[in-house]
Amino acid sequence: MRVFFLQRPAYPDLRAHIVAEVVAHEEEGRLWPFELVSRWMATRDELLSTKEGRRALHDWETGDDAQAHEQATRYALEDGLAGARALSGGHLRLVAD
């Protein structure tokens, strides 16, 4: 089963956005290994049932990461990280640990 992790915005002028899409395995009525973070998880049908979810799913499927990028930039600026302003011109990317 595919599930999405929905991040609700920390700022009132931003929208909710999807941060990940994963495959979860259902065992004994629970989605493993994600049962501990289920409050942030939603199926495609659940997302489609709300305006917020439909908008987030559309952004995800079209590759629009503006909301996630803006929230990450604001977090960095609030924390006073060096070079945070440089984030404003880039895109989010996956990196290895």
PDB file of N, CA and C in Angstrom:
ATOM      1  N   MET A   1       0.842  -1.169   0.000  1.00  0.00           N
ATOM      2  CA  MET A   1       0.000   0.000   0.000  1.00  0.00           C
ATOM      3  C   MET A   1       0.896   1.244   0.000  1.00  0.00           C
ATOM      4  N   ARG A   2       0.591   2.177  -0.876  1.00  0.00           N
ATOM      5  CA  ARG A   2       1.344   3.432  -0.924  1.00  0.00           C
ATOM      6  C   ARG A   2       0.690   4.435   0.016  1.00  0.00           C
ATOM      7  N   VAL A   3       1.520   5.086   0.805  1.00  0.00           N
ATOM      8  CA  VAL A   3       1.035   6.130   1.711  1.00  0.00           C
ATOM      9  C   VAL A   3       1.912   7.370   1.548  1.00  0.00           C
ATOM     10  N   PHE A   4       1.362   8.495   1.922  1.00  0.00           N
ATOM     11  CA  PHE A   4       2.036   9.781   1.800  1.00  0.00           C
ATOM     12  C   PHE A   4       2.210  10.373   3.195  1.00  0.00           C
ATOM     13  N   PHE A   5       3.308  11.049   3.412  1.00  0.00           N
ATOM     14  CA  PHE A   5       3.537  11.772   4.654  1.00  0.00           C
ATOM     15  C   PHE A   5       3.226  13.239   4.398  1.00  0.00           C
ATOM     16  N   LEU A   6       2.209  13.736   5.075  1.00  0.00           N
ATOM     17  CA  LEU A   6       1.739  15.105   4.889  1.00  0.00           C
ATOM     18  C   LEU A   6       2.281  15.983   6.008  1.00  0.00           C
ATOM     19  N   GLN A   7       2.985  17.034   5.641  1.00  0.00           N
ATOM     20  CA  GLN A   7       3.518  17.985   6.609  1.00  0.00           C
ATOM     21  C   GLN A   7       2.588  19.173   6.682  1.00  0.00           C
ATOM     22  N   ARG A   8       2.019  19.397   7.849  1.00  0.00           N
ATOM     23  CA  ARG A   8       1.180  20.580   8.011  1.00  0.00           C
ATOM     24  C   ARG A   8       2.098  21.774   8.254  1.00  0.00           C
ATOM     25  N   PRO A   9       1.766  22.924   7.707  1.00  0.00           N
ATOM     26  CA  PRO A   9       2.682  24.061   7.771  1.00  0.00           C
ATOM     27  C   PRO A   9       2.810  24.646   9.175  1.00  0.00           C
ATOM     28  N   ALA A  10       4.001  25.142   9.450  1.00  0.00           N
ATOM     29  CA  ALA A  10       4.264  25.799  10.727  1.00  0.00           C
ATOM     30  C   ALA A  10       3.962  27.296  10.640  1.00  0.00           C
ATOM     31  N   TYR A  11       3.659  27.766   9.440  1.00  0.00           N
ATOM     32  CA  TYR A  11       3.405  29.185   9.209  1.00  0.00           C
ATOM     33  C   TYR A  11       2.032  29.329   8.552  1.00  0.00           C
ATOM     34  N   PRO A  12       1.223  30.294   9.006  1.00  0.00           N
ATOM     35  CA  PRO A  12      -0.154  30.392   8.511  1.00  0.00           C
ATOM     36  C   PRO A  12      -0.291  30.710   7.023  1.00  0.00           C
ATOM     37  N   ASP A  13       0.720  31.295   6.411  1.00  0.00           N
ATOM     38  CA  ASP A  13       0.607  31.644   4.996  1.00  0.00           C
ATOM     39  C   ASP A  13       1.114  30.544   4.068  1.00  0.00           C
ATOM     40  N   LEU A  14       1.542  29.414   4.625  1.00  0.00           N
ATOM     41  CA  LEU A  14       1.973  28.279   3.812  1.00  0.00           C
ATOM     42  C   LEU A  14       0.905  27.199   3.816  1.00  0.00           C
ATOM     43  N   ARG A  15       0.978  26.315   2.816  1.00  0.00           N
ATOM     44  CA  ARG A  15       0.022  25.208   2.713  1.00  0.00           C
ATOM     45  C   ARG A  15       0.681  23.913   3.164  1.00  0.00           C
ATOM     46  N   ALA A  16      -0.153  22.941   3.484  1.00  0.00           N
ATOM     47  CA  ALA A  16       0.347  21.601   3.783  1.00  0.00           C
ATOM     48  C   ALA A  16       1.023  21.054   2.533  1.00  0.00           C
ATOM     49  N   HIS A  17       2.027  20.197   2.740  1.00  0.00           N
ATOM     50  CA  HIS A  17       2.730  19.619   1.602  1.00  0.00           C
ATOM     51  C   HIS A  17       3.178  18.201   1.932  1.00  0.00           C
ATOM     52  N   ILE A  18       3.328  17.412   0.909  1.00  0.00           N
ATOM     53  CA  ILE A  18       3.771  16.026   1.063  1.00  0.00           C
ATOM     54  C   ILE A  18       5.289  16.014   1.070  1.00  0.00           C
ATOM     55  N   VAL A  19       5.862  15.286   2.028  1.00  0.00           N
ATOM     56  CA  VAL A  19       7.317  15.212   2.126  1.00  0.00           C
ATOM     57  C   VAL A  19       7.860  13.849   1.712  1.00  0.00           C
ATOM     58  N   ALA A  20       6.987  12.850   1.613  1.00  0.00           N
ATOM     59  CA  ALA A  20       7.453  11.523   1.200  1.00  0.00           C
ATOM     60  C   ALA A  20       6.273  10.667   0.758  1.00  0.00           C
ATOM     61  N   GLU A  21       6.575   9.739  -0.134  1.00  0.00           N
ATOM     62  CA  GLU A  21       5.629   8.719  -0.577  1.00  0.00           C
ATOM     63  C   GLU A  21       6.343   7.390  -0.387  1.00  0.00           C
ATOM     64  N   VAL A  22       5.729   6.498   0.363  1.00  0.00           N
ATOM     65  CA  VAL A  22       6.396   5.235   0.698  1.00  0.00           C
ATOM     66  C   VAL A  22       5.438   4.065   0.508  1.00  0.00           C
ATOM     67  N   VAL A  23       6.015   2.889   0.493  1.00  0.00           N
ATOM     68  CA  VAL A  23       5.225   1.663   0.464  1.00  0.00           C
ATOM     69  C   VAL A  23       5.238   1.087   1.867  1.00  0.00           C
ATOM     70  N   ALA A  24       4.065   0.851   2.401  1.00  0.00           N
ATOM     71  CA  ALA A  24       3.937   0.268   3.734  1.00  0.00           C
ATOM     72  C   ALA A  24       3.273  -1.097   3.601  1.00  0.00           C
ATOM     73  N   HIS A  25       3.618  -1.992   4.483  1.00  0.00           N
ATOM     74  CA  HIS A  25       3.043  -3.330   4.491  1.00  0.00           C
ATOM     75  C   HIS A  25       2.045  -3.432   5.630  1.00  0.00           C
ATOM     76  N   GLU A  26       0.868  -3.906   5.306  1.00  0.00           N
ATOM     77  CA  GLU A  26      -0.157  -4.039   6.329  1.00  0.00           C
ATOM     78  C   GLU A  26      -0.023  -5.398   6.997  1.00  0.00           C
ATOM     79  N   GLU A  27       0.130  -5.369   8.315  1.00  0.00           N
ATOM     80  CA  GLU A  27       0.213  -6.589   9.111  1.00  0.00           C
ATOM     81  C   GLU A  27      -0.675  -6.422  10.328  1.00  0.00           C
ATOM     82  N   GLU A  28      -1.615  -7.309  10.479  1.00  0.00           N
ATOM     83  CA  GLU A  28      -2.521  -7.305  11.625  1.00  0.00           C
ATOM     84  C   GLU A  28      -3.186  -5.939  11.810  1.00  0.00           C
ATOM     85  N   GLY A  29      -3.616  -5.342  10.696  1.00  0.00           N
ATOM     86  CA  GLY A  29      -4.334  -4.079  10.757  1.00  0.00           C
ATOM     87  C   GLY A  29      -3.471  -2.850  10.968  1.00  0.00           C
ATOM     88  N   ARG A  30      -2.145  -3.021  10.984  1.00  0.00           N
ATOM     89  CA  ARG A  30      -1.244  -1.883  11.169  1.00  0.00           C
ATOM     90  C   ARG A  30      -0.343  -1.755   9.953  1.00  0.00           C
ATOM     91  N   LEU A  31       0.039  -0.537   9.662  1.00  0.00           N
ATOM     92  CA  LEU A  31       0.964  -0.297   8.560  1.00  0.00           C
ATOM     93  C   LEU A  31       2.383  -0.325   9.117  1.00  0.00           C
ATOM     94  N   TRP A  32       3.109  -1.326   8.739  1.00  0.00           N
ATOM     95  CA  TRP A  32       4.458  -1.484   9.249  1.00  0.00           C
ATOM     96  C   TRP A  32       5.439  -0.919   8.250  1.00  0.00           C
ATOM     97  N   PRO A  33       6.465  -0.241   8.618  1.00  0.00           N
ATOM     98  CA  PRO A  33       6.931   0.099   9.970  1.00  0.00           C
ATOM     99  C   PRO A  33       6.521   1.497  10.405  1.00  0.00           C
ATOM    100  N   PHE A  34       5.425   2.012   9.906  1.00  0.00           N
ATOM    101  CA  PHE A  34       5.094   3.422  10.092  1.00  0.00           C
ATOM    102  C   PHE A  34       4.008   3.713  11.118  1.00  0.00           C
ATOM    103  N   GLU A  35       3.645   2.755  11.953  1.00  0.00           N
ATOM    104  CA  GLU A  35       2.528   2.990  12.861  1.00  0.00           C
ATOM    105  C   GLU A  35       2.798   4.108  13.864  1.00  0.00           C
ATOM    106  N   LEU A  36       4.054   4.395  14.158  1.00  0.00           N
ATOM    107  CA  LEU A  36       4.368   5.434  15.133  1.00  0.00           C
ATOM    108  C   LEU A  36       4.151   6.846  14.596  1.00  0.00           C
ATOM    109  N   VAL A  37       4.124   6.994  13.304  1.00  0.00           N
ATOM    110  CA  VAL A  37       3.948   8.326  12.717  1.00  0.00           C
ATOM    111  C   VAL A  37       2.657   8.418  11.912  1.00  0.00           C
ATOM    112  N   SER A  38       1.688   7.605  12.237  1.00  0.00           N
ATOM    113  CA  SER A  38       0.471   7.519  11.434  1.00  0.00           C
ATOM    114  C   SER A  38      -0.304   8.826  11.382  1.00  0.00           C
ATOM    115  N   ARG A  39      -0.132   9.700  12.346  1.00  0.00           N
ATOM    116  CA  ARG A  39      -0.886  10.962  12.299  1.00  0.00           C
ATOM    117  C   ARG A  39      -0.475  11.835  11.121  1.00  0.00           C
ATOM    118  N   TRP A  40       0.687  11.571  10.534  1.00  0.00           N
ATOM    119  CA  TRP A  40       1.149  12.330   9.385  1.00  0.00           C
ATOM    120  C   TRP A  40       0.945  11.568   8.083  1.00  0.00           C
ATOM    121  N   MET A  41       0.421  10.359   8.164  1.00  0.00           N
ATOM    122  CA  MET A  41       0.268   9.523   6.984  1.00  0.00           C
ATOM    123  C   MET A  41      -1.141   9.621   6.426  1.00  0.00           C
ATOM    124  N   ALA A  42      -1.229   9.481   5.114  1.00  0.00           N
ATOM    125  CA  ALA A  42      -2.535   9.465   4.468  1.00  0.00           C
ATOM    126  C   ALA A  42      -2.437   8.645   3.192  1.00  0.00           C
ATOM    127  N   THR A  43      -3.504   7.934   2.892  1.00  0.00           N
ATOM    128  CA  THR A  43      -3.572   7.232   1.616  1.00  0.00           C
ATOM    129  C   THR A  43      -3.988   8.240   0.542  1.00  0.00           C
ATOM    130  N   ARG A  44      -3.892   7.845  -0.700  1.00  0.00           N
ATOM    131  CA  ARG A  44      -4.317   8.710  -1.801  1.00  0.00           C
ATOM    132  C   ARG A  44      -5.799   9.079  -1.660  1.00  0.00           C
ATOM    133  N   ASP A  45      -6.634   8.092  -1.313  1.00  0.00           N
ATOM    134  CA  ASP A  45      -8.068   8.370  -1.144  1.00  0.00           C
ATOM    135  C   ASP A  45      -8.309   9.373  -0.024  1.00  0.00           C
ATOM    136  N   GLU A  46      -7.550   9.254   1.069  1.00  0.00           N
ATOM    137  CA  GLU A  46      -7.704  10.197   2.182  1.00  0.00           C
ATOM    138  C   GLU A  46      -7.302  11.608   1.746  1.00  0.00           C
ATOM    139  N   LEU A  47      -6.224  11.715   0.993  1.00  0.00           N
ATOM    140  CA  LEU A  47      -5.806  13.029   0.502  1.00  0.00           C
ATOM    141  C   LEU A  47      -6.855  13.635  -0.425  1.00  0.00           C
ATOM    142  N   LEU A  48      -7.408  12.809  -1.293  1.00  0.00           N
ATOM    143  CA  LEU A  48      -8.407  13.303  -2.246  1.00  0.00           C
ATOM    144  C   LEU A  48      -9.711  13.723  -1.582  1.00  0.00           C
ATOM    145  N   SER A  49      -9.923  13.327  -0.339  1.00  0.00           N
ATOM    146  CA  SER A  49     -11.182  13.632   0.345  1.00  0.00           C
ATOM    147  C   SER A  49     -11.207  15.036   0.953  1.00  0.00           C
ATOM    148  N   THR A  50     -10.079  15.759   0.941  1.00  0.00           N
ATOM    149  CA  THR A  50     -10.058  17.111   1.497  1.00  0.00           C
ATOM    150  C   THR A  50      -9.404  18.079   0.509  1.00  0.00           C
ATOM    151  N   LYS A  51      -9.780  19.339   0.612  1.00  0.00           N
ATOM    152  CA  LYS A  51      -9.182  20.367  -0.244  1.00  0.00           C
ATOM    153  C   LYS A  51      -7.682  20.464   0.003  1.00  0.00           C
ATOM    154  N   GLU A  52      -7.290  20.454   1.274  1.00  0.00           N
ATOM    155  CA  GLU A  52      -5.874  20.521   1.641  1.00  0.00           C
ATOM    156  C   GLU A  52      -5.096  19.346   1.047  1.00  0.00           C
ATOM    157  N   GLY A  53      -5.675  18.159   1.142  1.00  0.00           N
ATOM    158  CA  GLY A  53      -5.036  16.960   0.615  1.00  0.00           C
ATOM    159  C   GLY A  53      -4.933  16.968  -0.900  1.00  0.00           C
ATOM    160  N   ARG A  54      -5.999  17.390  -1.572  1.00  0.00           N
ATOM    161  CA  ARG A  54      -5.970  17.461  -3.041  1.00  0.00           C
ATOM    162  C   ARG A  54      -4.897  18.429  -3.521  1.00  0.00           C
ATOM    163  N   ARG A  55      -4.796  19.570  -2.867  1.00  0.00           N
ATOM    164  CA  ARG A  55      -3.791  20.567  -3.261  1.00  0.00           C
ATOM    165  C   ARG A  55      -2.379  20.020  -3.032  1.00  0.00           C
ATOM    166  N   ALA A  56      -2.161  19.382  -1.880  1.00  0.00           N
ATOM    167  CA  ALA A  56      -0.844  18.814  -1.569  1.00  0.00           C
ATOM    168  C   ALA A  56      -0.482  17.707  -2.555  1.00  0.00           C
ATOM    169  N   LEU A  57      -1.451  16.859  -2.889  1.00  0.00           N
ATOM    170  CA  LEU A  57      -1.203  15.775  -3.835  1.00  0.00           C
ATOM    171  C   LEU A  57      -0.889  16.329  -5.232  1.00  0.00           C
ATOM    172  N   HIS A  58      -1.608  17.351  -5.636  1.00  0.00           N
ATOM    173  CA  HIS A  58      -1.330  17.983  -6.936  1.00  0.00           C
ATOM    174  C   HIS A  58       0.095  18.530  -6.968  1.00  0.00           C
ATOM    175  N   ASP A  59       0.482  19.257  -5.928  1.00  0.00           N
ATOM    176  CA  ASP A  59       1.842  19.796  -5.866  1.00  0.00           C
ATOM    177  C   ASP A  59       2.871  18.675  -5.931  1.00  0.00           C
ATOM    178  N   TRP A  60       2.627  17.596  -5.206  1.00  0.00           N
ATOM    179  CA  TRP A  60       3.556  16.455  -5.176  1.00  0.00           C
ATOM    180  C   TRP A  60       3.702  15.832  -6.556  1.00  0.00           C
ATOM    181  N   GLU A  61       2.576  15.598  -7.202  1.00  0.00           N
ATOM    182  CA  GLU A  61       2.597  14.906  -8.494  1.00  0.00           C
ATOM    183  C   GLU A  61       3.141  15.779  -9.623  1.00  0.00           C
ATOM    184  N   THR A  62       3.096  17.092  -9.463  1.00  0.00           N
ATOM    185  CA  THR A  62       3.640  17.979 -10.486  1.00  0.00           C
ATOM    186  C   THR A  62       5.056  18.439 -10.154  1.00  0.00           C
ATOM    187  N   GLY A  63       5.592  17.960  -9.039  1.00  0.00           N
ATOM    188  CA  GLY A  63       6.964  18.301  -8.665  1.00  0.00           C
ATOM    189  C   GLY A  63       7.131  19.704  -8.098  1.00  0.00           C
ATOM    190  N   ASP A  64       6.046  20.303  -7.635  1.00  0.00           N
ATOM    191  CA  ASP A  64       6.106  21.648  -7.067  1.00  0.00           C
ATOM    192  C   ASP A  64       6.466  21.552  -5.584  1.00  0.00           C
ATOM    193  N   ASP A  65       7.719  21.865  -5.249  1.00  0.00           N
ATOM    194  CA  ASP A  65       8.161  21.777  -3.858  1.00  0.00           C
ATOM    195  C   ASP A  65       8.301  23.149  -3.206  1.00  0.00           C
ATOM    196  N   ALA A  66       7.632  24.154  -3.751  1.00  0.00           N
ATOM    197  CA  ALA A  66       7.757  25.524  -3.253  1.00  0.00           C
ATOM    198  C   ALA A  66       7.357  25.651  -1.787  1.00  0.00           C
ATOM    199  N   GLN A  67       6.275  24.994  -1.377  1.00  0.00           N
ATOM    200  CA  GLN A  67       5.825  25.103   0.011  1.00  0.00           C
ATOM    201  C   GLN A  67       6.834  24.471   0.969  1.00  0.00           C
ATOM    202  N   ALA A  68       7.319  23.287   0.627  1.00  0.00           N
ATOM    203  CA  ALA A  68       8.311  22.612   1.466  1.00  0.00           C
ATOM    204  C   ALA A  68       9.595  23.426   1.518  1.00  0.00           C
ATOM    205  N   HIS A  69      10.007  23.952   0.383  1.00  0.00           N
ATOM    206  CA  HIS A  69      11.237  24.731   0.314  1.00  0.00           C
ATOM    207  C   HIS A  69      11.127  25.999   1.155  1.00  0.00           C
ATOM    208  N   GLU A  70      10.015  26.684   1.047  1.00  0.00           N
ATOM    209  CA  GLU A  70       9.822  27.917   1.810  1.00  0.00           C
ATOM    210  C   GLU A  70       9.819  27.635   3.311  1.00  0.00           C
ATOM    211  N   GLN A  71       9.161  26.571   3.733  1.00  0.00           N
ATOM    212  CA  GLN A  71       9.139  26.252   5.162  1.00  0.00           C
ATOM    213  C   GLN A  71      10.541  25.905   5.654  1.00  0.00           C
ATOM    214  N   ALA A  72      11.283  25.124   4.883  1.00  0.00           N
ATOM    215  CA  ALA A  72      12.644  24.761   5.275  1.00  0.00           C
ATOM    216  C   ALA A  72      13.539  25.996   5.363  1.00  0.00           C
ATOM    217  N   THR A  73      13.385  26.923   4.435  1.00  0.00           N
ATOM    218  CA  THR A  73      14.172  28.152   4.450  1.00  0.00           C
ATOM    219  C   THR A  73      13.862  28.979   5.689  1.00  0.00           C
ATOM    220  N   ARG A  74      12.579  29.088   6.025  1.00  0.00           N
ATOM    221  CA  ARG A  74      12.202  29.869   7.211  1.00  0.00           C
ATOM    222  C   ARG A  74      12.742  29.225   8.485  1.00  0.00           C
ATOM    223  N   TYR A  75      12.658  27.896   8.574  1.00  0.00           N
ATOM    224  CA  TYR A  75      13.229  27.211   9.734  1.00  0.00           C
ATOM    225  C   TYR A  75      14.713  27.534   9.857  1.00  0.00           C
ATOM    226  N   ALA A  76      15.422  27.476   8.748  1.00  0.00           N
ATOM    227  CA  ALA A  76      16.864  27.733   8.763  1.00  0.00           C
ATOM    228  C   ALA A  76      17.158  29.166   9.184  1.00  0.00           C
ATOM    229  N   LEU A  77      16.390  30.115   8.669  1.00  0.00           N
ATOM    230  CA  LEU A  77      16.599  31.514   9.035  1.00  0.00           C
ATOM    231  C   LEU A  77      16.302  31.752  10.505  1.00  0.00           C
ATOM    232  N   GLU A  78      15.259  31.146  11.021  1.00  0.00           N
ATOM    233  CA  GLU A  78      14.922  31.297  12.437  1.00  0.00           C
ATOM    234  C   GLU A  78      15.999  30.709  13.329  1.00  0.00           C
ATOM    235  N   ASP A  79      16.600  29.623  12.888  1.00  0.00           N
ATOM    236  CA  ASP A  79      17.650  28.986  13.679  1.00  0.00           C
ATOM    237  C   ASP A  79      18.991  29.686  13.520  1.00  0.00           C
ATOM    238  N   GLY A  80      19.067  30.655  12.615  1.00  0.00           N
ATOM    239  CA  GLY A  80      20.291  31.403  12.430  1.00  0.00           C
ATOM    240  C   GLY A  80      21.415  30.607  11.802  1.00  0.00           C
ATOM    241  N   LEU A  81      21.081  29.638  10.964  1.00  0.00           N
ATOM    242  CA  LEU A  81      22.119  28.841  10.327  1.00  0.00           C
ATOM    243  C   LEU A  81      22.878  29.661   9.302  1.00  0.00           C
ATOM    244  N   ALA A  82      24.173  29.509   9.276  1.00  0.00           N
ATOM    245  CA  ALA A  82      24.998  30.215   8.302  1.00  0.00           C
ATOM    246  C   ALA A  82      24.638  29.754   6.896  1.00  0.00           C
ATOM    247  N   GLY A  83      24.531  30.703   6.010  1.00  0.00           N
ATOM    248  CA  GLY A  83      24.244  30.382   4.616  1.00  0.00           C
ATOM    249  C   GLY A  83      22.798  30.042   4.348  1.00  0.00           C
ATOM    250  N   ALA A  84      21.911  30.295   5.286  1.00  0.00           N
ATOM    251  CA  ALA A  84      20.504  29.929   5.095  1.00  0.00           C
ATOM    252  C   ALA A  84      19.898  30.669   3.909  1.00  0.00           C
ATOM    253  N   ARG A  85      20.324  31.880   3.671  1.00  0.00           N
ATOM    254  CA  ARG A  85      19.773  32.628   2.545  1.00  0.00           C
ATOM    255  C   ARG A  85      20.090  31.961   1.215  1.00  0.00           C
ATOM    256  N   ALA A  86      21.158  31.225   1.165  1.00  0.00           N
ATOM    257  CA  ALA A  86      21.514  30.520  -0.071  1.00  0.00           C
ATOM    258  C   ALA A  86      20.481  29.466  -0.426  1.00  0.00           C
ATOM    259  N   LEU A  87      19.738  29.006   0.563  1.00  0.00           N
ATOM    260  CA  LEU A  87      18.705  27.999   0.311  1.00  0.00           C
ATOM    261  C   LEU A  87      17.588  28.548  -0.566  1.00  0.00           C
ATOM    262  N   SER A  88      17.375  29.843  -0.515  1.00  0.00           N
ATOM    263  CA  SER A  88      16.221  30.412  -1.211  1.00  0.00           C
ATOM    264  C   SER A  88      16.270  30.261  -2.716  1.00  0.00           C
ATOM    265  N   GLY A  89      17.440  29.970  -3.283  1.00  0.00           N
ATOM    266  CA  GLY A  89      17.524  29.825  -4.725  1.00  0.00           C
ATOM    267  C   GLY A  89      17.636  28.400  -5.186  1.00  0.00           C
ATOM    268  N   GLY A  90      17.699  27.444  -4.265  1.00  0.00           N
ATOM    269  CA  GLY A  90      17.912  26.048  -4.640  1.00  0.00           C
ATOM    270  C   GLY A  90      16.670  25.220  -4.520  1.00  0.00           C
ATOM    271  N   HIS A  91      16.846  23.917  -4.609  1.00  0.00           N
ATOM    272  CA  HIS A  91      15.745  22.966  -4.465  1.00  0.00           C
ATOM    273  C   HIS A  91      16.122  21.928  -3.439  1.00  0.00           C
ATOM    274  N   LEU A  92      15.114  21.304  -2.865  1.00  0.00           N
ATOM    275  CA  LEU A  92      15.369  20.214  -1.932  1.00  0.00           C
ATOM    276  C   LEU A  92      15.935  19.039  -2.692  1.00  0.00           C
ATOM    277  N   ARG A  93      16.814  18.284  -2.074  1.00  0.00           N
ATOM    278  CA  ARG A  93      17.391  17.113  -2.728  1.00  0.00           C
ATOM    279  C   ARG A  93      17.677  16.049  -1.695  1.00  0.00           C
ATOM    280  N   LEU A  94      17.734  14.819  -2.135  1.00  0.00           N
ATOM    281  CA  LEU A  94      18.051  13.705  -1.258  1.00  0.00           C
ATOM    282  C   LEU A  94      19.560  13.571  -1.143  1.00  0.00           C
ATOM    283  N   VAL A  95      20.025  13.347   0.062  1.00  0.00           N
ATOM    284  CA  VAL A  95      21.457  13.141   0.281  1.00  0.00           C
ATOM    285  C   VAL A  95      21.642  11.908   1.168  1.00  0.00           C
ATOM    286  N   ALA A  96      22.785  11.265   1.030  1.00  0.00           N
ATOM    287  CA  ALA A  96      23.073  10.086   1.842  1.00  0.00           C
ATOM    288  C   ALA A  96      23.448  10.505   3.251  1.00  0.00           C
ATOM    289  N   ASP A  97      23.231   9.616   4.197  1.00  0.00           N
ATOM    290  CA  ASP A  97      23.632   9.891   5.588  1.00  0.00           C
ATOM    291  C   ASP A  97      25.134   9.947   5.719  1.00  0.00           C
TER     292      ASP A  97
END
